[in-house]
Amino acid sequence: MLAPIKHLLGNYRIVLASGSPRRQELVKMLGLNAELCPSTFEENLNLEDYKEFSDYIEATALGKAEEVFARLSSEDDAKNLVVIAADTMVTLGKEIYGKPKDAVDAVRMLTNLSGTSNRVFSGVVLKHAKGVRKFTDTADVYFGDLLPEQIQSYVDSGDPLDKAGAYGVQGPGGALIHRIDGDFYSVMGLPLNRLCCELNKLFLEELSS
């Protein structure tokens, strides 16, 4: 929770570098009054340039944060500006499962995920005038054995078409999942427990000095 820094939050302009309604919902759950400002950063980094998935996902989140921070800094004093950016990806083995290209691609992804476990990486960056704080949280998601009819019905609902890995744990896609090892909210796109810990450290250790 953010109780230790509640008295400090009102002194800062806190911005979520996202247009995601899911992340907006999660930030509101924390009681954080954050503005929404979708980043225009082009997410076209080359995975081969990074040793680990976590490095890649953090670099993408950093690109979003820096773009929004630079844009808003030109409009206002950056001294009290804090930008939160996040990126989430699903991996199966060494393959990244991004958002499906179309319904056929969503069926392919879900068929491959059926009866297996996939790993979700959520990279988060906190950008402020004094520097950057970043981290990656992971969770393992275990799918049940899915029938073709179940997969097709879910894809026909339209729910998976705008989601990494072609599923959303918070909607009807949650019924496809047997269990999760890790933070449920990390799978949703924003690891709340770790985010709270990092925000508390940021405000108490760096921004208050």
C-alpha atoms as a PDB file:
ATOM      1  CA  MET A   1       0.000   0.000   0.000  1.00  0.00           C
ATOM      2  CA  LEU A   2       1.013   3.627  -0.471  1.00  0.00           C
ATOM      3  CA  ALA A   3       0.155   4.814   3.065  1.00  0.00           C
ATOM      4  CA  PRO A   4       3.816   5.674   3.904  1.00  0.00           C
ATOM      5  CA  ILE A   5       3.979   8.214   1.053  1.00  0.00           C
ATOM      6  CA  LYS A   6       0.376   9.405   0.913  1.00  0.00           C
ATOM      7  CA  HIS A   7       1.373  12.794   2.331  1.00  0.00           C
ATOM      8  CA  LEU A   8       3.932  13.252  -0.469  1.00  0.00           C
ATOM      9  CA  LEU A   9       1.892  12.223  -3.495  1.00  0.00           C
ATOM     10  CA  GLY A  10      -0.059  15.468  -3.709  1.00  0.00           C
ATOM     11  CA  ASN A  11       3.151  17.381  -4.404  1.00  0.00           C
ATOM     12  CA  TYR A  12       3.821  15.494  -7.640  1.00  0.00           C
ATOM     13  CA  ARG A  13       2.296  15.188 -11.061  1.00  0.00           C
ATOM     14  CA  ILE A  14       2.034  11.438 -11.596  1.00  0.00           C
ATOM     15  CA  VAL A  15       1.426  10.216 -15.127  1.00  0.00           C
ATOM     16  CA  LEU A  16       0.738   6.731 -16.433  1.00  0.00           C
ATOM     17  CA  ALA A  17       2.328   6.395 -19.883  1.00  0.00           C
ATOM     18  CA  SER A  18      -0.446   4.206 -21.198  1.00  0.00           C
ATOM     19  CA  GLY A  19      -3.858   4.176 -22.783  1.00  0.00           C
ATOM     20  CA  SER A  20      -4.664   0.748 -21.339  1.00  0.00           C
ATOM     21  CA  PRO A  21      -7.977   0.626 -19.450  1.00  0.00           C
ATOM     22  CA  ARG A  22      -6.649  -2.397 -17.556  1.00  0.00           C
ATOM     23  CA  ARG A  23      -3.621  -0.528 -16.223  1.00  0.00           C
ATOM     24  CA  GLN A  24      -5.753   2.516 -15.475  1.00  0.00           C
ATOM     25  CA  GLU A  25      -8.059   0.329 -13.402  1.00  0.00           C
ATOM     26  CA  LEU A  26      -5.116  -1.125 -11.486  1.00  0.00           C
ATOM     27  CA  VAL A  27      -3.601   2.280 -10.717  1.00  0.00           C
ATOM     28  CA  LYS A  28      -6.958   3.482  -9.404  1.00  0.00           C
ATOM     29  CA  MET A  29      -7.085   0.445  -7.115  1.00  0.00           C
ATOM     30  CA  LEU A  30      -3.964   1.775  -5.408  1.00  0.00           C
ATOM     31  CA  GLY A  31      -5.663   5.098  -4.807  1.00  0.00           C
ATOM     32  CA  LEU A  32      -3.122   6.759  -7.084  1.00  0.00           C
ATOM     33  CA  ASN A  33      -4.408   9.827  -8.878  1.00  0.00           C
ATOM     34  CA  ALA A  34      -2.452   9.396 -12.114  1.00  0.00           C
ATOM     35  CA  GLU A  35      -3.081  11.108 -15.437  1.00  0.00           C
ATOM     36  CA  LEU A  36      -3.251   8.955 -18.552  1.00  0.00           C
ATOM     37  CA  CYS A  37      -0.867   9.880 -21.346  1.00  0.00           C
ATOM     38  CA  PRO A  38      -0.318   7.195 -24.018  1.00  0.00           C
ATOM     39  CA  SER A  39       3.249   7.063 -25.275  1.00  0.00           C
ATOM     40  CA  THR A  40       4.101   7.503 -28.940  1.00  0.00           C
ATOM     41  CA  PHE A  41       7.268   5.411 -28.558  1.00  0.00           C
ATOM     42  CA  GLU A  42       7.544   2.886 -31.392  1.00  0.00           C
ATOM     43  CA  GLU A  43       7.816  -0.576 -29.892  1.00  0.00           C
ATOM     44  CA  ASN A  44      10.150  -2.027 -32.488  1.00  0.00           C
ATOM     45  CA  LEU A  45      13.244  -2.929 -30.478  1.00  0.00           C
ATOM     46  CA  ASN A  46      15.238  -5.914 -31.709  1.00  0.00           C
ATOM     47  CA  LEU A  47      15.016  -8.782 -29.220  1.00  0.00           C
ATOM     48  CA  GLU A  48      18.380 -10.102 -30.398  1.00  0.00           C
ATOM     49  CA  ASP A  49      20.064  -7.022 -28.932  1.00  0.00           C
ATOM     50  CA  TYR A  50      19.147  -8.136 -25.406  1.00  0.00           C
ATOM     51  CA  LYS A  51      20.471 -11.049 -23.371  1.00  0.00           C
ATOM     52  CA  GLU A  52      17.314 -11.599 -21.338  1.00  0.00           C
ATOM     53  CA  PHE A  53      13.589 -11.146 -21.886  1.00  0.00           C
ATOM     54  CA  SER A  54      13.600  -8.876 -18.813  1.00  0.00           C
ATOM     55  CA  ASP A  55      16.164  -6.555 -20.418  1.00  0.00           C
ATOM     56  CA  TYR A  56      14.013  -6.304 -23.537  1.00  0.00           C
ATOM     57  CA  ILE A  57      10.771  -5.624 -21.704  1.00  0.00           C
ATOM     58  CA  GLU A  58      12.389  -3.003 -19.450  1.00  0.00           C
ATOM     59  CA  ALA A  59      13.922  -1.268 -22.471  1.00  0.00           C
ATOM     60  CA  THR A  60      10.486  -1.054 -24.081  1.00  0.00           C
ATOM     61  CA  ALA A  61       8.935   0.357 -20.905  1.00  0.00           C
ATOM     62  CA  LEU A  62      11.841   2.805 -20.594  1.00  0.00           C
ATOM     63  CA  GLY A  63      11.264   4.030 -24.150  1.00  0.00           C
ATOM     64  CA  LYS A  64       7.634   4.749 -23.296  1.00  0.00           C
ATOM     65  CA  ALA A  65       8.531   6.521 -20.061  1.00  0.00           C
ATOM     66  CA  GLU A  66      11.246   8.692 -21.591  1.00  0.00           C
ATOM     67  CA  GLU A  67       9.068   9.769 -24.506  1.00  0.00           C
ATOM     68  CA  VAL A  68       6.219  10.880 -22.233  1.00  0.00           C
ATOM     69  CA  PHE A  69       8.590  12.491 -19.710  1.00  0.00           C
ATOM     70  CA  ALA A  70      10.330  14.509 -22.432  1.00  0.00           C
ATOM     71  CA  ARG A  71       7.025  15.605 -23.978  1.00  0.00           C
ATOM     72  CA  LEU A  72       5.475  16.707 -20.698  1.00  0.00           C
ATOM     73  CA  SER A  73       8.692  18.330 -19.455  1.00  0.00           C
ATOM     74  CA  SER A  74       8.528  20.726 -22.375  1.00  0.00           C
ATOM     75  CA  GLU A  75       5.096  21.843 -21.209  1.00  0.00           C
ATOM     76  CA  ASP A  76       5.732  22.148 -17.487  1.00  0.00           C
ATOM     77  CA  ASP A  77       8.380  22.008 -14.787  1.00  0.00           C
ATOM     78  CA  ALA A  78       9.758  18.463 -14.722  1.00  0.00           C
ATOM     79  CA  LYS A  79      10.933  18.754 -11.111  1.00  0.00           C
ATOM     80  CA  ASN A  80       7.723  17.262  -9.716  1.00  0.00           C
ATOM     81  CA  LEU A  81       6.903  14.952 -12.623  1.00  0.00           C
ATOM     82  CA  VAL A  82       6.858  11.162 -12.184  1.00  0.00           C
ATOM     83  CA  VAL A  83       6.021   8.930 -15.152  1.00  0.00           C
ATOM     84  CA  ILE A  84       5.029   5.295 -14.723  1.00  0.00           C
ATOM     85  CA  ALA A  85       5.386   3.086 -17.801  1.00  0.00           C
ATOM     86  CA  ALA A  86       4.887  -0.639 -18.205  1.00  0.00           C
ATOM     87  CA  ASP A  87       5.030  -3.308 -20.861  1.00  0.00           C
ATOM     88  CA  THR A  88       3.897  -6.921 -20.698  1.00  0.00           C
ATOM     89  CA  MET A  89       4.700  -9.897 -22.867  1.00  0.00           C
ATOM     90  CA  VAL A  90       3.911 -13.598 -22.885  1.00  0.00           C
ATOM     91  CA  THR A  91       6.564 -16.183 -23.669  1.00  0.00           C
ATOM     92  CA  LEU A  92       6.348 -19.874 -24.446  1.00  0.00           C
ATOM     93  CA  GLY A  93       9.820 -21.334 -24.346  1.00  0.00           C
ATOM     94  CA  LYS A  94      11.998 -18.925 -26.310  1.00  0.00           C
ATOM     95  CA  GLU A  95       9.144 -17.491 -28.365  1.00  0.00           C
ATOM     96  CA  ILE A  96       7.378 -14.221 -27.612  1.00  0.00           C
ATOM     97  CA  TYR A  97       3.622 -14.209 -27.962  1.00  0.00           C
ATOM     98  CA  GLY A  98       2.550 -10.651 -28.658  1.00  0.00           C
ATOM     99  CA  LYS A  99      -0.903  -9.478 -29.638  1.00  0.00           C
ATOM    100  CA  PRO A 100      -2.405 -11.759 -32.309  1.00  0.00           C
ATOM    101  CA  LYS A 101      -2.460 -10.446 -35.862  1.00  0.00           C
ATOM    102  CA  ASP A 102      -5.996 -11.710 -36.373  1.00  0.00           C
ATOM    103  CA  ALA A 103      -8.462 -14.366 -35.211  1.00  0.00           C
ATOM    104  CA  VAL A 104      -6.568 -17.164 -36.959  1.00  0.00           C
ATOM    105  CA  ASP A 105      -3.369 -16.168 -35.174  1.00  0.00           C
ATOM    106  CA  ALA A 106      -5.229 -16.057 -31.852  1.00  0.00           C
ATOM    107  CA  VAL A 107      -6.445 -19.626 -32.405  1.00  0.00           C
ATOM    108  CA  ARG A 108      -2.871 -20.695 -33.169  1.00  0.00           C
ATOM    109  CA  MET A 109      -1.527 -19.102 -29.996  1.00  0.00           C
ATOM    110  CA  LEU A 110      -4.209 -20.523 -27.727  1.00  0.00           C
ATOM    111  CA  THR A 111      -3.831 -23.977 -29.253  1.00  0.00           C
ATOM    112  CA  ASN A 112      -0.117 -23.857 -28.459  1.00  0.00           C
ATOM    113  CA  LEU A 113      -0.752 -22.586 -24.920  1.00  0.00           C
ATOM    114  CA  SER A 114      -3.308 -25.318 -24.185  1.00  0.00           C
ATOM    115  CA  GLY A 115      -2.094 -27.770 -21.548  1.00  0.00           C
ATOM    116  CA  THR A 116       1.195 -25.927 -21.021  1.00  0.00           C
ATOM    117  CA  SER A 117       2.636 -23.157 -18.860  1.00  0.00           C
ATOM    118  CA  ASN A 118       3.680 -19.804 -20.249  1.00  0.00           C
ATOM    119  CA  ARG A 119       5.676 -17.073 -18.553  1.00  0.00           C
ATOM    120  CA  VAL A 120       4.466 -13.489 -18.369  1.00  0.00           C
ATOM    121  CA  PHE A 121       6.996 -10.670 -18.055  1.00  0.00           C
ATOM    122  CA  SER A 122       5.833  -7.254 -16.855  1.00  0.00           C
ATOM    123  CA  GLY A 123       8.486  -4.563 -17.021  1.00  0.00           C
ATOM    124  CA  VAL A 124       7.882  -1.312 -15.147  1.00  0.00           C
ATOM    125  CA  VAL A 125       9.797   1.975 -15.232  1.00  0.00           C
ATOM    126  CA  LEU A 126       9.446   4.962 -12.908  1.00  0.00           C
ATOM    127  CA  LYS A 127      10.967   8.007 -14.595  1.00  0.00           C
ATOM    128  CA  HIS A 128      11.579  11.192 -12.612  1.00  0.00           C
ATOM    129  CA  ALA A 129      13.786  14.269 -12.715  1.00  0.00           C
ATOM    130  CA  LYS A 130      16.560  12.636 -10.688  1.00  0.00           C
ATOM    131  CA  GLY A 131      16.740   9.421 -12.669  1.00  0.00           C
ATOM    132  CA  VAL A 132      15.036   6.101 -13.339  1.00  0.00           C
ATOM    133  CA  ARG A 133      13.889   3.129 -11.293  1.00  0.00           C
ATOM    134  CA  LYS A 134      12.993  -0.052 -13.183  1.00  0.00           C
ATOM    135  CA  PHE A 135      12.118  -3.676 -12.517  1.00  0.00           C
ATOM    136  CA  THR A 136      10.587  -6.773 -14.083  1.00  0.00           C
ATOM    137  CA  ASP A 137       8.092  -9.097 -12.449  1.00  0.00           C
ATOM    138  CA  THR A 138       7.354 -12.588 -13.782  1.00  0.00           C
ATOM    139  CA  ALA A 139       4.494 -15.030 -13.345  1.00  0.00           C
ATOM    140  CA  ASP A 140       3.948 -18.535 -14.686  1.00  0.00           C
ATOM    141  CA  VAL A 141       0.475 -19.180 -16.098  1.00  0.00           C
ATOM    142  CA  TYR A 142      -0.754 -22.771 -16.440  1.00  0.00           C
ATOM    143  CA  PHE A 143      -3.468 -23.404 -19.002  1.00  0.00           C
ATOM    144  CA  GLY A 144      -5.913 -26.257 -18.800  1.00  0.00           C
ATOM    145  CA  ASP A 145      -6.399 -28.656 -21.702  1.00  0.00           C
ATOM    146  CA  LEU A 146      -8.578 -26.690 -24.097  1.00  0.00           C
ATOM    147  CA  LEU A 147     -10.992 -28.143 -26.623  1.00  0.00           C
ATOM    148  CA  PRO A 148     -11.015 -26.597 -30.112  1.00  0.00           C
ATOM    149  CA  GLU A 149     -14.590 -25.455 -29.502  1.00  0.00           C
ATOM    150  CA  GLN A 150     -13.534 -23.609 -26.351  1.00  0.00           C
ATOM    151  CA  ILE A 151     -10.710 -21.854 -28.145  1.00  0.00           C
ATOM    152  CA  GLN A 152     -12.900 -20.843 -31.078  1.00  0.00           C
ATOM    153  CA  SER A 153     -15.670 -19.588 -28.811  1.00  0.00           C
ATOM    154  CA  TYR A 154     -13.219 -17.461 -26.853  1.00  0.00           C
ATOM    155  CA  VAL A 155     -11.675 -16.023 -30.012  1.00  0.00           C
ATOM    156  CA  ASP A 156     -15.144 -15.307 -31.430  1.00  0.00           C
ATOM    157  CA  SER A 157     -15.871 -13.209 -28.327  1.00  0.00           C
ATOM    158  CA  GLY A 158     -13.174 -10.780 -29.472  1.00  0.00           C
ATOM    159  CA  ASP A 159     -11.629 -10.622 -26.010  1.00  0.00           C
ATOM    160  CA  PRO A 160      -8.193 -12.048 -26.901  1.00  0.00           C
ATOM    161  CA  LEU A 161      -7.562  -9.997 -30.031  1.00  0.00           C
ATOM    162  CA  ASP A 162      -5.967  -7.009 -28.284  1.00  0.00           C
ATOM    163  CA  LYS A 163      -4.017  -8.913 -25.641  1.00  0.00           C
ATOM    164  CA  ALA A 164      -0.493 -10.296 -25.503  1.00  0.00           C
ATOM    165  CA  GLY A 165      -0.615 -14.074 -25.723  1.00  0.00           C
ATOM    166  CA  ALA A 166      -4.208 -13.869 -26.966  1.00  0.00           C
ATOM    167  CA  TYR A 167      -5.721 -14.067 -23.498  1.00  0.00           C
ATOM    168  CA  GLY A 168      -6.741 -11.861 -20.617  1.00  0.00           C
ATOM    169  CA  VAL A 169      -6.735 -13.328 -17.130  1.00  0.00           C
ATOM    170  CA  GLN A 170      -9.263 -10.775 -15.822  1.00  0.00           C
ATOM    171  CA  GLY A 171     -12.032 -11.626 -18.312  1.00  0.00           C
ATOM    172  CA  PRO A 172     -13.552 -14.795 -19.741  1.00  0.00           C
ATOM    173  CA  GLY A 173     -10.017 -15.940 -20.545  1.00  0.00           C
ATOM    174  CA  GLY A 174      -9.536 -16.537 -16.844  1.00  0.00           C
ATOM    175  CA  ALA A 175     -11.653 -19.690 -17.200  1.00  0.00           C
ATOM    176  CA  LEU A 176      -8.958 -21.174 -19.458  1.00  0.00           C
ATOM    177  CA  ILE A 177      -6.320 -20.965 -16.739  1.00  0.00           C
ATOM    178  CA  HIS A 178      -5.672 -23.757 -14.260  1.00  0.00           C
ATOM    179  CA  ARG A 179      -3.367 -21.818 -11.938  1.00  0.00           C
ATOM    180  CA  ILE A 180      -0.935 -18.913 -11.676  1.00  0.00           C
ATOM    181  CA  ASP A 181       2.401 -18.946  -9.881  1.00  0.00           C
ATOM    182  CA  GLY A 182       3.152 -15.301  -9.201  1.00  0.00           C
ATOM    183  CA  ASP A 183       1.330 -11.999  -8.977  1.00  0.00           C
ATOM    184  CA  PHE A 184      -2.107 -12.150 -10.601  1.00  0.00           C
ATOM    185  CA  TYR A 185      -1.888  -8.439 -11.331  1.00  0.00           C
ATOM    186  CA  SER A 186       1.412  -8.888 -13.123  1.00  0.00           C
ATOM    187  CA  VAL A 187      -0.441 -11.075 -15.605  1.00  0.00           C
ATOM    188  CA  MET A 188      -3.011  -8.297 -15.946  1.00  0.00           C
ATOM    189  CA  GLY A 189      -0.210  -5.909 -16.860  1.00  0.00           C
ATOM    190  CA  LEU A 190       0.910  -4.126 -13.685  1.00  0.00           C
ATOM    191  CA  PRO A 191       2.400  -5.951 -10.654  1.00  0.00           C
ATOM    192  CA  LEU A 192       0.765  -4.056  -7.809  1.00  0.00           C
ATOM    193  CA  ASN A 193       2.745  -5.366  -4.857  1.00  0.00           C
ATOM    194  CA  ARG A 194       6.123  -4.667  -6.451  1.00  0.00           C
ATOM    195  CA  LEU A 195       4.924  -1.320  -7.815  1.00  0.00           C
ATOM    196  CA  CYS A 196       3.882  -0.192  -4.336  1.00  0.00           C
ATOM    197  CA  CYS A 197       7.237  -1.260  -2.891  1.00  0.00           C
ATOM    198  CA  GLU A 198       9.152   0.620  -5.572  1.00  0.00           C
ATOM    199  CA  LEU A 199       7.008   3.758  -5.290  1.00  0.00           C
ATOM    200  CA  ASN A 200       7.505   3.830  -1.524  1.00  0.00           C
ATOM    201  CA  LYS A 201      11.267   3.508  -1.969  1.00  0.00           C
ATOM    202  CA  LEU A 202      11.310   6.130  -4.709  1.00  0.00           C
ATOM    203  CA  PHE A 203       9.473   8.791  -2.725  1.00  0.00           C
ATOM    204  CA  LEU A 204      11.089   8.075   0.644  1.00  0.00           C
ATOM    205  CA  GLU A 205      14.669   7.454  -0.471  1.00  0.00           C
ATOM    206  CA  GLU A 206      15.178   9.491  -3.636  1.00  0.00           C
ATOM    207  CA  LEU A 207      12.591  12.220  -4.104  1.00  0.00           C
ATOM    208  CA  SER A 208      12.529  13.317  -0.471  1.00  0.00           C
ATOM    209  CA  SER A 209      16.281  13.932  -0.326  1.00  0.00           C
END
